[in-house]
Structure formats: structure tokens, C-alpha cells
PDB file of N, CA and C in Angstrom:
ATOM      1  N   MET A   1       0.912  -1.022   0.233  1.00  0.00           N
ATOM      2  CA  MET A   1       0.013   0.131  -0.206  1.00  0.00           C
ATOM      3  C   MET A   1       0.795   1.096  -0.104  1.00  0.00           C
ATOM      4  N   SER A   2       0.370   2.267  -0.796  1.00  0.00           N
ATOM      5  CA  SER A   2       1.420   3.532  -0.707  1.00  0.00           C
ATOM      6  C   SER A   2       0.950   4.509   0.407  1.00  0.00           C
ATOM      7  N   GLN A   3       1.441   5.222   0.435  1.00  0.00           N
ATOM      8  CA  GLN A   3       0.944   6.138   2.066  1.00  0.00           C
ATOM      9  C   GLN A   3       0.137   7.339   1.523  1.00  0.00           C
ATOM     10  N   ALA A   4      -0.838   7.420   2.464  1.00  0.00           N
ATOM     11  CA  ALA A   4      -1.737   8.492   2.056  1.00  0.00           C
ATOM     12  C   ALA A   4      -1.618   9.737   1.848  1.00  0.00           C
ATOM     13  N   TYR A   5      -1.823  10.787   0.990  1.00  0.00           N
ATOM     14  CA  TYR A   5      -1.837  12.108   1.011  1.00  0.00           C
ATOM     15  C   TYR A   5      -2.598  12.893   0.559  1.00  0.00           C
ATOM     16  N   PHE A   6      -2.759  13.903   1.022  1.00  0.00           N
ATOM     17  CA  PHE A   6      -3.949  15.051   0.420  1.00  0.00           C
ATOM     18  C   PHE A   6      -3.391  15.248  -0.911  1.00  0.00           C
ATOM     19  N   HIS A   7      -4.556  15.651  -1.565  1.00  0.00           N
ATOM     20  CA  HIS A   7      -4.485  16.124  -2.993  1.00  0.00           C
ATOM     21  C   HIS A   7      -5.635  17.396  -2.966  1.00  0.00           C
ATOM     22  N   LYS A   8      -4.941  18.625  -2.820  1.00  0.00           N
ATOM     23  CA  LYS A   8      -5.453  19.639  -2.860  1.00  0.00           C
ATOM     24  C   LYS A   8      -6.421  20.074  -3.655  1.00  0.00           C
ATOM     25  N   ASP A   9      -6.048  19.715  -5.039  1.00  0.00           N
ATOM     26  CA  ASP A   9      -7.129  20.334  -6.238  1.00  0.00           C
ATOM     27  C   ASP A   9      -8.450  19.635  -6.163  1.00  0.00           C
ATOM     28  N   SER A  10      -8.494  18.548  -5.560  1.00  0.00           N
ATOM     29  CA  SER A  10      -9.823  17.934  -5.182  1.00  0.00           C
ATOM     30  C   SER A  10     -10.284  17.652  -4.077  1.00  0.00           C
ATOM     31  N   ALA A  11      -9.543  18.168  -2.856  1.00  0.00           N
ATOM     32  CA  ALA A  11      -9.978  18.309  -1.475  1.00  0.00           C
ATOM     33  C   ALA A  11     -10.070  16.696  -0.932  1.00  0.00           C
ATOM     34  N   ALA A  12      -9.315  16.152  -1.438  1.00  0.00           N
ATOM     35  CA  ALA A  12      -9.545  14.515  -0.839  1.00  0.00           C
ATOM     36  C   ALA A  12      -8.299  13.970  -0.446  1.00  0.00           C
ATOM     37  N   VAL A  13      -8.429  12.823   0.181  1.00  0.00           N
ATOM     38  CA  VAL A  13      -7.346  12.124   0.485  1.00  0.00           C
ATOM     39  C   VAL A  13      -7.170  10.831  -0.352  1.00  0.00           C
ATOM     40  N   ARG A  14      -5.958  10.590  -0.860  1.00  0.00           N
ATOM     41  CA  ARG A  14      -5.791   9.690  -1.801  1.00  0.00           C
ATOM     42  C   ARG A  14      -4.842   8.377  -1.240  1.00  0.00           C
ATOM     43  N   PHE A  15      -5.196   7.254  -1.463  1.00  0.00           N
ATOM     44  CA  PHE A  15      -4.469   6.199  -0.745  1.00  0.00           C
ATOM     45  C   PHE A  15      -4.848   4.782  -1.523  1.00  0.00           C
ATOM     46  N   SER A  16      -4.008   3.741  -1.187  1.00  0.00           N
ATOM     47  CA  SER A  16      -4.306   2.479  -1.696  1.00  0.00           C
ATOM     48  C   SER A  16      -4.781   1.638  -0.768  1.00  0.00           C
ATOM     49  N   VAL A  17      -5.353   0.467  -1.064  1.00  0.00           N
ATOM     50  CA  VAL A  17      -5.856  -0.374   0.054  1.00  0.00           C
ATOM     51  C   VAL A  17      -5.536  -1.886  -0.593  1.00  0.00           C
ATOM     52  N   LEU A  18      -4.872  -2.829   0.199  1.00  0.00           N
ATOM     53  CA  LEU A  18      -4.936  -4.460  -0.600  1.00  0.00           C
ATOM     54  C   LEU A  18      -6.078  -4.870  -0.264  1.00  0.00           C
ATOM     55  N   CYS A  19      -6.631  -5.336  -1.616  1.00  0.00           N
ATOM     56  CA  CYS A  19      -7.906  -6.068  -1.892  1.00  0.00           C
ATOM     57  C   CYS A  19      -7.513  -7.515  -2.566  1.00  0.00           C
ATOM     58  N   GLU A  20      -7.596  -8.458  -1.938  1.00  0.00           N
ATOM     59  CA  GLU A  20      -7.302  -9.868  -2.382  1.00  0.00           C
ATOM     60  C   GLU A  20      -6.177  -9.934  -3.393  1.00  0.00           C
ATOM     61  N   GLY A  21      -5.029  -9.252  -2.425  1.00  0.00           N
ATOM     62  CA  GLY A  21      -3.745  -9.444  -3.235  1.00  0.00           C
ATOM     63  C   GLY A  21      -3.201  -8.052  -4.245  1.00  0.00           C
ATOM     64  N   VAL A  22      -4.081  -7.311  -4.258  1.00  0.00           N
ATOM     65  CA  VAL A  22      -3.980  -6.146  -5.353  1.00  0.00           C
ATOM     66  C   VAL A  22      -4.157  -4.893  -4.650  1.00  0.00           C
ATOM     67  N   ASP A  23      -3.492  -4.243  -4.933  1.00  0.00           N
ATOM     68  CA  ASP A  23      -3.408  -2.638  -4.259  1.00  0.00           C
ATOM     69  C   ASP A  23      -4.518  -1.927  -5.396  1.00  0.00           C
ATOM     70  N   VAL A  24      -5.334  -1.427  -4.583  1.00  0.00           N
ATOM     71  CA  VAL A  24      -6.698  -0.625  -5.509  1.00  0.00           C
ATOM     72  C   VAL A  24      -6.544   1.011  -4.806  1.00  0.00           C
ATOM     73  N   GLY A  25      -6.633   1.654  -5.776  1.00  0.00           N
ATOM     74  CA  GLY A  25      -6.515   2.905  -5.404  1.00  0.00           C
ATOM     75  C   GLY A  25      -7.699   3.413  -5.067  1.00  0.00           C
ATOM     76  N   ALA A  26      -7.643   4.429  -4.209  1.00  0.00           N
ATOM     77  CA  ALA A  26      -9.092   5.298  -3.606  1.00  0.00           C
ATOM     78  C   ALA A  26      -9.130   6.376  -3.376  1.00  0.00           C
ATOM     79  N   THR A  27     -10.212   6.990  -3.031  1.00  0.00           N
ATOM     80  CA  THR A  27      -9.996   8.593  -2.666  1.00  0.00           C
ATOM     81  C   THR A  27     -11.119   8.316  -1.767  1.00  0.00           C
ATOM     82  N   VAL A  28     -11.114   9.524  -0.696  1.00  0.00           N
ATOM     83  CA  VAL A  28     -12.007  10.146   0.298  1.00  0.00           C
ATOM     84  C   VAL A  28     -11.987  11.540   0.286  1.00  0.00           C
ATOM     85  N   SER A  29     -13.402  11.992   0.422  1.00  0.00           N
ATOM     86  CA  SER A  29     -12.992  13.602   0.362  1.00  0.00           C
ATOM     87  C   SER A  29     -13.060  14.203   1.512  1.00  0.00           C
ATOM     88  N   SER A  30     -12.378  15.179   1.780  1.00  0.00           N
ATOM     89  CA  SER A  30     -12.354  15.837   3.324  1.00  0.00           C
ATOM     90  C   SER A  30     -13.910  15.925   3.749  1.00  0.00           C
ATOM     91  N   ARG A  31     -14.571  16.386   2.793  1.00  0.00           N
ATOM     92  CA  ARG A  31     -16.171  16.788   3.606  1.00  0.00           C
ATOM     93  C   ARG A  31     -16.511  15.128   4.141  1.00  0.00           C
ATOM     94  N   ALA A  32     -16.096  14.129   3.534  1.00  0.00           N
ATOM     95  CA  ALA A  32     -17.043  12.900   3.659  1.00  0.00           C
ATOM     96  C   ALA A  32     -16.163  12.335   4.942  1.00  0.00           C
ATOM     97  N   LEU A  33     -14.759  12.807   5.255  1.00  0.00           N
ATOM     98  CA  LEU A  33     -14.119  12.605   6.479  1.00  0.00           C
ATOM     99  C   LEU A  33     -14.609  13.319   7.507  1.00  0.00           C
ATOM    100  N   HIS A  34     -14.556  14.470   7.392  1.00  0.00           N
ATOM    101  CA  HIS A  34     -15.222  15.444   8.174  1.00  0.00           C
ATOM    102  C   HIS A  34     -16.561  15.330   8.770  1.00  0.00           C
ATOM    103  N   TYR A  35     -17.614  15.084   8.220  1.00  0.00           N
ATOM    104  CA  TYR A  35     -18.975  14.566   8.311  1.00  0.00           C
ATOM    105  C   TYR A  35     -19.294  13.727   9.216  1.00  0.00           C
ATOM    106  N   HIS A  36     -18.407  12.802   8.606  1.00  0.00           N
ATOM    107  CA  HIS A  36     -18.658  11.026   9.117  1.00  0.00           C
ATOM    108  C   HIS A  36     -17.867  10.996  10.385  1.00  0.00           C
ATOM    109  N   PHE A  37     -16.896  11.358  10.553  1.00  0.00           N
ATOM    110  CA  PHE A  37     -15.795  11.205  11.593  1.00  0.00           C
ATOM    111  C   PHE A  37     -15.764  12.586  13.013  1.00  0.00           C
ATOM    112  N   ARG A  38     -15.669  13.395  12.190  1.00  0.00           N
ATOM    113  CA  ARG A  38     -15.463  14.379  13.133  1.00  0.00           C
ATOM    114  C   ARG A  38     -16.562  15.803  12.954  1.00  0.00           C
ATOM    115  N   PRO A  39     -17.969  15.686  12.882  1.00  0.00           N
ATOM    116  CA  PRO A  39     -18.610  16.488  12.577  1.00  0.00           C
ATOM    117  C   PRO A  39     -18.875  17.959  13.054  1.00  0.00           C
ATOM    118  N   ASP A  40     -18.215  17.989  14.710  1.00  0.00           N
ATOM    119  CA  ASP A  40     -18.139  19.215  15.433  1.00  0.00           C
ATOM    120  C   ASP A  40     -16.678  19.845  15.624  1.00  0.00           C
ATOM    121  N   ALA A  41     -15.636  19.069  14.505  1.00  0.00           N
ATOM    122  CA  ALA A  41     -14.665  19.724  14.501  1.00  0.00           C
ATOM    123  C   ALA A  41     -14.386  20.931  13.660  1.00  0.00           C
ATOM    124  N   VAL A  42     -13.554  21.907  13.668  1.00  0.00           N
ATOM    125  CA  VAL A  42     -13.073  23.033  13.131  1.00  0.00           C
ATOM    126  C   VAL A  42     -11.578  23.032  12.741  1.00  0.00           C
ATOM    127  N   GLY A  43     -11.580  23.126  11.748  1.00  0.00           N
ATOM    128  CA  GLY A  43     -10.198  23.244  11.014  1.00  0.00           C
ATOM    129  C   GLY A  43      -9.434  21.649  11.109  1.00  0.00           C
ATOM    130  N   GLU A  44      -9.887  20.862  10.944  1.00  0.00           N
ATOM    131  CA  GLU A  44      -9.398  19.447  11.244  1.00  0.00           C
ATOM    132  C   GLU A  44      -8.553  19.286   9.883  1.00  0.00           C
ATOM    133  N   ASP A  45      -7.240  18.649  10.165  1.00  0.00           N
ATOM    134  CA  ASP A  45      -6.396  17.893   9.029  1.00  0.00           C
ATOM    135  C   ASP A  45      -6.982  16.565   8.538  1.00  0.00           C
ATOM    136  N   PRO A  46      -7.457  16.742   7.311  1.00  0.00           N
ATOM    137  CA  PRO A  46      -8.249  15.476   6.723  1.00  0.00           C
ATOM    138  C   PRO A  46      -7.009  14.355   6.970  1.00  0.00           C
ATOM    139  N   LEU A  47      -5.859  14.730   6.633  1.00  0.00           N
ATOM    140  CA  LEU A  47      -5.011  13.407   6.946  1.00  0.00           C
ATOM    141  C   LEU A  47      -4.727  12.774   7.926  1.00  0.00           C
ATOM    142  N   GLU A  48      -4.935  13.527   9.132  1.00  0.00           N
ATOM    143  CA  GLU A  48      -5.033  13.104  10.572  1.00  0.00           C
ATOM    144  C   GLU A  48      -6.142  12.298  10.904  1.00  0.00           C
ATOM    145  N   THR A  49      -7.448  12.742  10.377  1.00  0.00           N
ATOM    146  CA  THR A  49      -8.587  12.177  10.412  1.00  0.00           C
ATOM    147  C   THR A  49      -8.729  10.798   9.576  1.00  0.00           C
ATOM    148  N   TYR A  50      -7.878  10.851   8.587  1.00  0.00           N
ATOM    149  CA  TYR A  50      -7.644   9.836   7.424  1.00  0.00           C
ATOM    150  C   TYR A  50      -7.182   8.312   8.513  1.00  0.00           C
ATOM    151  N   ALA A  51      -5.838   8.812   8.994  1.00  0.00           N
ATOM    152  CA  ALA A  51      -5.165   8.375   9.708  1.00  0.00           C
ATOM    153  C   ALA A  51      -5.734   7.647  11.130  1.00  0.00           C
ATOM    154  N   ALA A  52      -6.263   8.311  11.822  1.00  0.00           N
ATOM    155  CA  ALA A  52      -7.178   7.953  13.003  1.00  0.00           C
ATOM    156  C   ALA A  52      -8.198   6.487  12.652  1.00  0.00           C
ATOM    157  N   HIS A  53      -8.441   6.430  11.212  1.00  0.00           N
ATOM    158  CA  HIS A  53      -9.528   5.621  11.193  1.00  0.00           C
ATOM    159  C   HIS A  53      -9.386   4.915   9.710  1.00  0.00           C
ATOM    160  N   ALA A  54      -7.963   4.791   9.464  1.00  0.00           N
ATOM    161  CA  ALA A  54      -7.692   4.078   8.258  1.00  0.00           C
ATOM    162  C   ALA A  54      -8.000   2.660   8.047  1.00  0.00           C
ATOM    163  N   ASP A  55      -8.112   2.037   9.261  1.00  0.00           N
ATOM    164  CA  ASP A  55      -8.783   0.429   8.947  1.00  0.00           C
ATOM    165  C   ASP A  55     -10.142   0.587   8.702  1.00  0.00           C
ATOM    166  N   GLU A  56     -10.882   1.392   9.152  1.00  0.00           N
ATOM    167  CA  GLU A  56     -12.253   1.674   9.035  1.00  0.00           C
ATOM    168  C   GLU A  56     -12.702   1.895   7.538  1.00  0.00           C
ATOM    169  N   ILE A  57     -11.795   2.880   6.989  1.00  0.00           N
ATOM    170  CA  ILE A  57     -11.804   3.691   5.593  1.00  0.00           C
ATOM    171  C   ILE A  57     -11.465   2.088   4.693  1.00  0.00           C
ATOM    172  N   ALA A  58     -10.429   1.617   5.010  1.00  0.00           N
ATOM    173  CA  ALA A  58      -9.855   0.480   4.309  1.00  0.00           C
ATOM    174  C   ALA A  58     -10.948  -0.532   4.300  1.00  0.00           C
ATOM    175  N   GLU A  59     -11.812  -0.954   5.104  1.00  0.00           N
ATOM    176  CA  GLU A  59     -12.858  -1.699   4.938  1.00  0.00           C
ATOM    177  C   GLU A  59     -13.878  -1.642   4.053  1.00  0.00           C
ATOM    178  N   ALA A  60     -14.534  -0.178   4.275  1.00  0.00           N
ATOM    179  CA  ALA A  60     -15.030   0.505   3.279  1.00  0.00           C
ATOM    180  C   ALA A  60     -14.800   0.373   2.109  1.00  0.00           C
ATOM    181  N   VAL A  61     -13.516   0.470   1.526  1.00  0.00           N
ATOM    182  CA  VAL A  61     -12.945   0.368   0.265  1.00  0.00           C
ATOM    183  C   VAL A  61     -13.197  -1.436  -0.194  1.00  0.00           C
ATOM    184  N   ARG A  62     -12.862  -2.162   0.554  1.00  0.00           N
ATOM    185  CA  ARG A  62     -13.285  -3.608   0.533  1.00  0.00           C
ATOM    186  C   ARG A  62     -14.728  -3.840  -0.102  1.00  0.00           C
ATOM    187  N   ARG A  63     -15.462  -3.247   0.762  1.00  0.00           N
ATOM    188  CA  ARG A  63     -16.878  -3.340   0.849  1.00  0.00           C
ATOM    189  C   ARG A  63     -17.353  -3.144  -0.657  1.00  0.00           C
ATOM    190  N   ARG A  64     -16.482  -2.051  -1.309  1.00  0.00           N
ATOM    191  CA  ARG A  64     -17.213  -1.297  -2.582  1.00  0.00           C
ATOM    192  C   ARG A  64     -16.416  -2.458  -3.604  1.00  0.00           C
ATOM    193  N   VAL A  65     -15.322  -2.515  -3.368  1.00  0.00           N
ATOM    194  CA  VAL A  65     -14.837  -3.875  -4.497  1.00  0.00           C
ATOM    195  C   VAL A  65     -15.614  -4.880  -4.212  1.00  0.00           C
ATOM    196  N   ALA A  66     -15.538  -5.476  -3.021  1.00  0.00           N
ATOM    197  CA  ALA A  66     -16.753  -6.917  -3.221  1.00  0.00           C
ATOM    198  C   ALA A  66     -17.839  -6.586  -3.951  1.00  0.00           C
ATOM    199  N   ALA A  67     -18.582  -5.335  -4.111  1.00  0.00           N
ATOM    200  CA  ALA A  67     -19.834  -4.945  -4.759  1.00  0.00           C
ATOM    201  C   ALA A  67     -19.483  -4.638  -6.147  1.00  0.00           C
ATOM    202  N   GLY A  68     -18.348  -4.877  -6.508  1.00  0.00           N
ATOM    203  CA  GLY A  68     -18.016  -4.957  -7.894  1.00  0.00           C
ATOM    204  C   GLY A  68     -17.626  -3.399  -8.381  1.00  0.00           C
ATOM    205  N   SER A  69     -17.154  -2.398  -7.456  1.00  0.00           N
ATOM    206  CA  SER A  69     -16.781  -0.971  -7.926  1.00  0.00           C
ATOM    207  C   SER A  69     -15.317  -1.179  -8.758  1.00  0.00           C
ATOM    208  N   ILE A  70     -14.918  -0.655  -9.140  1.00  0.00           N
ATOM    209  CA  ILE A  70     -13.500  -0.885 -10.283  1.00  0.00           C
ATOM    210  C   ILE A  70     -12.759   0.798  -9.497  1.00  0.00           C
ATOM    211  N   GLU A  71     -11.313   0.425  -9.755  1.00  0.00           N
ATOM    212  CA  GLU A  71     -10.400   1.056  -9.327  1.00  0.00           C
ATOM    213  C   GLU A  71     -10.247   2.552 -10.535  1.00  0.00           C
ATOM    214  N   PRO A  72     -10.468   3.908  -9.795  1.00  0.00           N
ATOM    215  CA  PRO A  72     -10.258   4.219  -8.451  1.00  0.00           C
ATOM    216  C   PRO A  72     -11.564   4.097  -7.616  1.00  0.00           C
ATOM    217  N   VAL A  73     -11.453   3.591  -6.506  1.00  0.00           N
ATOM    218  CA  VAL A  73     -12.751   3.635  -5.803  1.00  0.00           C
ATOM    219  C   VAL A  73     -12.805   5.140  -4.790  1.00  0.00           C
ATOM    220  N   MET A  74     -13.769   5.869  -5.608  1.00  0.00           N
ATOM    221  CA  MET A  74     -14.368   7.003  -4.571  1.00  0.00           C
ATOM    222  C   MET A  74     -15.152   6.875  -3.709  1.00  0.00           C
ATOM    223  N   LEU A  75     -15.058   6.764  -2.392  1.00  0.00           N
ATOM    224  CA  LEU A  75     -15.798   6.826  -1.231  1.00  0.00           C
ATOM    225  C   LEU A  75     -16.718   7.891  -0.694  1.00  0.00           C
ATOM    226  N   ARG A  76     -17.812   7.646  -0.317  1.00  0.00           N
ATOM    227  CA  ARG A  76     -18.813   8.775  -0.224  1.00  0.00           C
ATOM    228  C   ARG A  76     -19.132   8.552   1.354  1.00  0.00           C
ATOM    229  N   GLU A  77     -19.836   9.199   2.071  1.00  0.00           N
ATOM    230  CA  GLU A  77     -20.142   9.339   3.246  1.00  0.00           C
ATOM    231  C   GLU A  77     -20.592   8.286   3.896  1.00  0.00           C
ATOM    232  N   LEU A  78     -21.435   7.730   3.130  1.00  0.00           N
ATOM    233  CA  LEU A  78     -22.595   6.718   2.990  1.00  0.00           C
ATOM    234  C   LEU A  78     -21.775   5.330   2.875  1.00  0.00           C
ATOM    235  N   ASP A  79     -20.778   5.372   2.409  1.00  0.00           N
ATOM    236  CA  ASP A  79     -19.630   4.088   2.160  1.00  0.00           C
ATOM    237  C   ASP A  79     -19.264   3.914   3.719  1.00  0.00           C
ATOM    238  N   LEU A  80     -19.041   4.996   4.269  1.00  0.00           N
ATOM    239  CA  LEU A  80     -18.204   4.911   5.687  1.00  0.00           C
ATOM    240  C   LEU A  80     -18.788   4.161   6.737  1.00  0.00           C
ATOM    241  N   ARG A  81     -20.306   4.303   6.346  1.00  0.00           N
ATOM    242  CA  ARG A  81     -21.117   3.546   7.478  1.00  0.00           C
ATOM    243  C   ARG A  81     -21.195   1.822   7.586  1.00  0.00           C
ATOM    244  N   ALA A  82     -20.789   1.331   8.652  1.00  0.00           N
ATOM    245  CA  ALA A  82     -20.914   0.010   8.381  1.00  0.00           C
ATOM    246  C   ALA A  82     -21.711  -0.818   8.451  1.00  0.00           C
ATOM    247  N   PRO A  83     -21.892  -1.605   7.704  1.00  0.00           N
ATOM    248  CA  PRO A  83     -23.283  -2.322   7.041  1.00  0.00           C
ATOM    249  C   PRO A  83     -23.598  -2.859   8.498  1.00  0.00           C
TER     250      PRO A  83
END
């Protein structure tokens, strides 16, 4: 897996997740991170929020891939909710 980074132009964290032996590129917007994980925070760092919840976010990517999504997987706030 590659290291996550913040892509300023898209205001999203980009990262990869190992899914069945294959690195799958994925993206989650800073807004989705904010509203799902830290709705009361002000001025939080999206990378810090991502890092604090990386395992949960990776599972969301795996669920999307299992459901047929192809790379790059673009997570929405709804995807972050556990089934």
C-alpha cells in the first residue's frame, strides 16, 4: 500500500488498499471524512482524520470492491457507515 496524501485540487485524501492481493487506489473527500468522523471539529487536518480511521476506511473500500466497484474507488460518506 502506498502512503496516503492530501490532494489539494480535489480536496481529498488519496490512498491505496490491499484487496485480495492487489493494491486498489481509492479516494475519500475531506468533507466525507469531516461529516462522518468529526462533524463538530473546526479546521481539522483530513490526513489526521484519515490516519485515525484508516482501518475502517480500508474496510469500506473492500466492501465497495466486493460489490463490483473498479479502481479508483471513490468513497462517499454513506460508504463509511458499517453494514
